[in-house]
N, C-alpha and C. Protein backbone atom coordinates (compact mmCIF):
# COMPACT_ATOMS: atom_id res chain seq x y z
N UNK A 1 -15.95 -33.92 -22.78
CA UNK A 1 -15.95 -33.72 -21.35
C UNK A 1 -16.95 -32.55 -21.06
N UNK A 2 -17.87 -32.77 -20.23
CA UNK A 2 -18.85 -31.71 -19.94
C UNK A 2 -18.25 -30.75 -18.95
N UNK A 3 -19.03 -29.62 -18.72
CA UNK A 3 -18.44 -28.53 -17.89
C UNK A 3 -18.21 -28.92 -16.46
N UNK A 4 -19.09 -29.74 -15.90
CA UNK A 4 -18.95 -30.16 -14.47
C UNK A 4 -17.65 -30.92 -14.33
N UNK A 5 -17.46 -31.88 -15.23
CA UNK A 5 -16.27 -32.74 -15.13
C UNK A 5 -14.99 -31.91 -15.31
N UNK A 6 -15.07 -31.00 -16.26
CA UNK A 6 -13.89 -30.14 -16.51
C UNK A 6 -13.60 -29.25 -15.29
N UNK A 7 -14.63 -28.70 -14.66
CA UNK A 7 -14.41 -27.85 -13.50
C UNK A 7 -13.91 -28.69 -12.33
N UNK A 8 -14.41 -29.83 -12.19
CA UNK A 8 -13.93 -30.68 -11.09
C UNK A 8 -12.46 -31.15 -11.35
N UNK A 9 -12.08 -31.46 -12.56
CA UNK A 9 -10.72 -31.84 -12.82
C UNK A 9 -9.71 -30.66 -12.62
N UNK A 10 -10.24 -29.45 -12.95
CA UNK A 10 -9.41 -28.23 -12.78
C UNK A 10 -9.23 -27.99 -11.24
N UNK A 11 -10.29 -28.21 -10.44
CA UNK A 11 -10.21 -28.01 -9.01
C UNK A 11 -9.25 -29.02 -8.36
N UNK A 12 -9.30 -30.23 -8.85
CA UNK A 12 -8.41 -31.29 -8.30
C UNK A 12 -6.98 -30.98 -8.72
N UNK A 13 -6.72 -30.47 -9.95
CA UNK A 13 -5.37 -30.09 -10.34
C UNK A 13 -4.88 -28.98 -9.45
N UNK A 14 -5.65 -27.96 -9.23
CA UNK A 14 -5.19 -26.81 -8.38
C UNK A 14 -4.93 -27.30 -6.93
N UNK A 15 -5.73 -28.16 -6.40
CA UNK A 15 -5.54 -28.70 -5.09
C UNK A 15 -4.28 -29.51 -5.08
N UNK A 16 -3.94 -30.25 -6.10
CA UNK A 16 -2.75 -31.08 -6.13
C UNK A 16 -1.57 -30.22 -6.14
N UNK A 17 -1.56 -29.14 -6.91
CA UNK A 17 -0.45 -28.15 -6.98
C UNK A 17 -0.24 -27.56 -5.59
N UNK A 18 -1.38 -27.11 -4.98
CA UNK A 18 -1.33 -26.50 -3.67
C UNK A 18 -0.72 -27.44 -2.68
N UNK A 19 -1.04 -28.67 -2.69
CA UNK A 19 -0.56 -29.65 -1.75
C UNK A 19 0.95 -29.87 -1.96
N UNK A 20 1.36 -29.88 -3.21
CA UNK A 20 2.78 -30.11 -3.57
C UNK A 20 3.70 -28.90 -3.15
N UNK A 21 3.15 -27.74 -3.33
CA UNK A 21 3.97 -26.53 -2.98
C UNK A 21 3.81 -26.12 -1.54
N UNK A 22 2.91 -26.75 -0.85
CA UNK A 22 2.75 -26.47 0.60
C UNK A 22 1.98 -25.17 0.76
N UNK A 23 1.40 -24.63 -0.27
CA UNK A 23 0.63 -23.33 -0.13
C UNK A 23 1.59 -22.11 0.06
N UNK A 24 2.77 -22.21 -0.38
CA UNK A 24 3.73 -21.12 -0.27
C UNK A 24 3.66 -20.08 -1.30
N UNK A 25 2.60 -19.97 -2.06
CA UNK A 25 2.56 -18.99 -3.19
C UNK A 25 1.82 -17.74 -2.74
N UNK A 26 1.98 -17.34 -1.48
CA UNK A 26 1.27 -16.15 -0.99
C UNK A 26 2.03 -14.85 -1.16
N UNK A 27 3.18 -14.92 -1.65
CA UNK A 27 3.94 -13.67 -1.91
C UNK A 27 4.86 -13.27 -0.80
N UNK A 28 5.48 -12.18 -0.91
CA UNK A 28 6.51 -11.69 0.05
C UNK A 28 5.86 -10.78 1.07
N UNK A 29 5.14 -11.34 2.00
CA UNK A 29 4.38 -10.53 2.96
C UNK A 29 5.32 -9.79 3.91
N UNK A 30 6.45 -10.38 4.27
CA UNK A 30 7.41 -9.70 5.15
C UNK A 30 7.97 -8.46 4.42
N UNK A 31 8.19 -8.51 3.19
CA UNK A 31 8.74 -7.42 2.44
C UNK A 31 7.73 -6.26 2.38
N UNK A 32 6.42 -6.55 2.14
CA UNK A 32 5.35 -5.58 2.12
C UNK A 32 5.27 -4.89 3.46
N UNK A 33 5.37 -5.71 4.54
CA UNK A 33 5.22 -5.12 5.91
C UNK A 33 6.44 -4.18 6.14
N UNK A 34 7.61 -4.55 5.74
CA UNK A 34 8.75 -3.74 5.87
C UNK A 34 8.65 -2.46 5.15
N UNK A 35 8.17 -2.50 3.92
CA UNK A 35 7.97 -1.29 3.07
C UNK A 35 6.95 -0.36 3.76
N UNK A 36 5.88 -0.88 4.29
CA UNK A 36 4.78 -0.12 4.91
C UNK A 36 5.38 0.59 6.18
N UNK A 37 6.12 -0.16 6.98
CA UNK A 37 6.63 0.40 8.25
C UNK A 37 7.69 1.50 7.91
N UNK A 38 8.55 1.21 6.96
CA UNK A 38 9.55 2.24 6.56
C UNK A 38 8.94 3.49 6.00
N UNK A 39 7.87 3.32 5.22
CA UNK A 39 7.19 4.47 4.68
C UNK A 39 6.53 5.32 5.77
N UNK A 40 5.88 4.67 6.76
CA UNK A 40 5.27 5.37 7.82
C UNK A 40 6.36 6.12 8.68
N UNK A 41 7.45 5.47 8.88
CA UNK A 41 8.55 6.09 9.67
C UNK A 41 9.10 7.30 8.94
N UNK A 42 9.23 7.22 7.64
CA UNK A 42 9.76 8.32 6.82
C UNK A 42 8.80 9.47 6.87
N UNK A 43 7.50 9.23 6.77
CA UNK A 43 6.55 10.31 6.79
C UNK A 43 6.52 10.91 8.21
N UNK A 44 6.61 10.14 9.24
CA UNK A 44 6.65 10.73 10.62
C UNK A 44 7.89 11.59 10.81
N UNK A 45 9.06 11.20 10.31
CA UNK A 45 10.26 11.95 10.47
C UNK A 45 10.12 13.32 9.68
N UNK A 46 9.61 13.19 8.36
CA UNK A 46 9.51 14.40 7.65
C UNK A 46 8.45 15.33 8.24
N UNK A 47 7.42 14.79 8.77
CA UNK A 47 6.37 15.59 9.41
C UNK A 47 6.92 16.33 10.65
N UNK A 48 7.70 15.65 11.43
CA UNK A 48 8.32 16.20 12.66
C UNK A 48 9.29 17.33 12.30
N UNK A 49 10.07 17.14 11.22
CA UNK A 49 11.10 18.06 10.87
C UNK A 49 10.53 19.26 10.10
N UNK A 50 9.60 18.94 9.14
CA UNK A 50 9.19 19.97 8.20
C UNK A 50 7.75 20.44 8.50
N UNK A 51 7.12 19.96 9.57
CA UNK A 51 5.77 20.32 9.92
C UNK A 51 5.55 21.83 9.94
N UNK A 52 6.27 22.60 10.73
CA UNK A 52 6.03 24.04 10.86
C UNK A 52 6.22 24.75 9.53
N UNK A 53 7.22 24.38 8.77
CA UNK A 53 7.47 25.02 7.51
C UNK A 53 6.34 24.70 6.51
N UNK A 54 5.91 23.48 6.51
CA UNK A 54 4.74 23.11 5.64
C UNK A 54 3.49 23.83 6.07
N UNK A 55 3.25 24.02 7.33
CA UNK A 55 2.05 24.72 7.76
C UNK A 55 2.13 26.27 7.32
N UNK A 56 3.31 26.83 7.48
CA UNK A 56 3.47 28.21 7.09
C UNK A 56 3.32 28.32 5.52
N UNK A 57 3.82 27.44 4.80
CA UNK A 57 3.72 27.45 3.38
C UNK A 57 2.22 27.31 2.96
N UNK A 58 1.51 26.43 3.58
CA UNK A 58 0.08 26.21 3.28
C UNK A 58 -0.71 27.45 3.60
N UNK A 59 -0.49 28.03 4.83
CA UNK A 59 -1.22 29.21 5.20
C UNK A 59 -0.96 30.40 4.26
N UNK A 60 0.30 30.54 3.85
CA UNK A 60 0.62 31.64 2.92
C UNK A 60 -0.05 31.44 1.57
N UNK A 61 -0.04 30.24 1.04
CA UNK A 61 -0.70 29.90 -0.19
C UNK A 61 -2.24 30.13 -0.12
N UNK A 62 -2.85 29.77 1.03
CA UNK A 62 -4.32 29.96 1.19
C UNK A 62 -4.59 31.49 1.27
N UNK A 63 -3.73 32.24 1.98
CA UNK A 63 -3.93 33.66 2.08
C UNK A 63 -3.84 34.40 0.74
N UNK A 64 -2.84 33.88 -0.08
CA UNK A 64 -2.74 34.50 -1.39
C UNK A 64 -3.95 34.11 -2.28
N UNK A 65 -4.47 32.95 -2.11
CA UNK A 65 -5.59 32.58 -2.89
C UNK A 65 -6.89 33.36 -2.49
N UNK A 66 -6.99 33.73 -1.28
CA UNK A 66 -8.07 34.51 -0.75
C UNK A 66 -7.93 35.95 -1.15
N UNK A 67 -6.62 36.39 -1.38
CA UNK A 67 -6.40 37.74 -1.73
C UNK A 67 -5.99 38.59 -0.55
N UNK A 68 -5.80 38.05 0.62
CA UNK A 68 -5.42 38.77 1.81
C UNK A 68 -3.95 38.43 2.17
N UNK A 69 -3.06 39.19 1.58
CA UNK A 69 -1.62 38.90 1.84
C UNK A 69 -1.24 39.74 3.13
N UNK A 70 -0.62 39.01 4.11
CA UNK A 70 -0.27 39.74 5.35
C UNK A 70 0.75 40.79 5.08
N UNK A 71 0.56 41.94 5.84
CA UNK A 71 1.32 43.13 5.73
C UNK A 71 2.70 43.18 5.48
């Protein structure tokens, strides 16, 4: 069997499987969307609650790194 015939038969086999399964092998898209939305919501809540503390912590660390510690 030459390469062209082999490639053609493989393509026909893949098409046959796709037609039999209805093309339902795309994965759990709803689950990934849910994970993404939940992660974004968690970050937004943490940012709203801890934002000022995180900013103070970062500014303090940067000031220490510069060598200028506030009075």
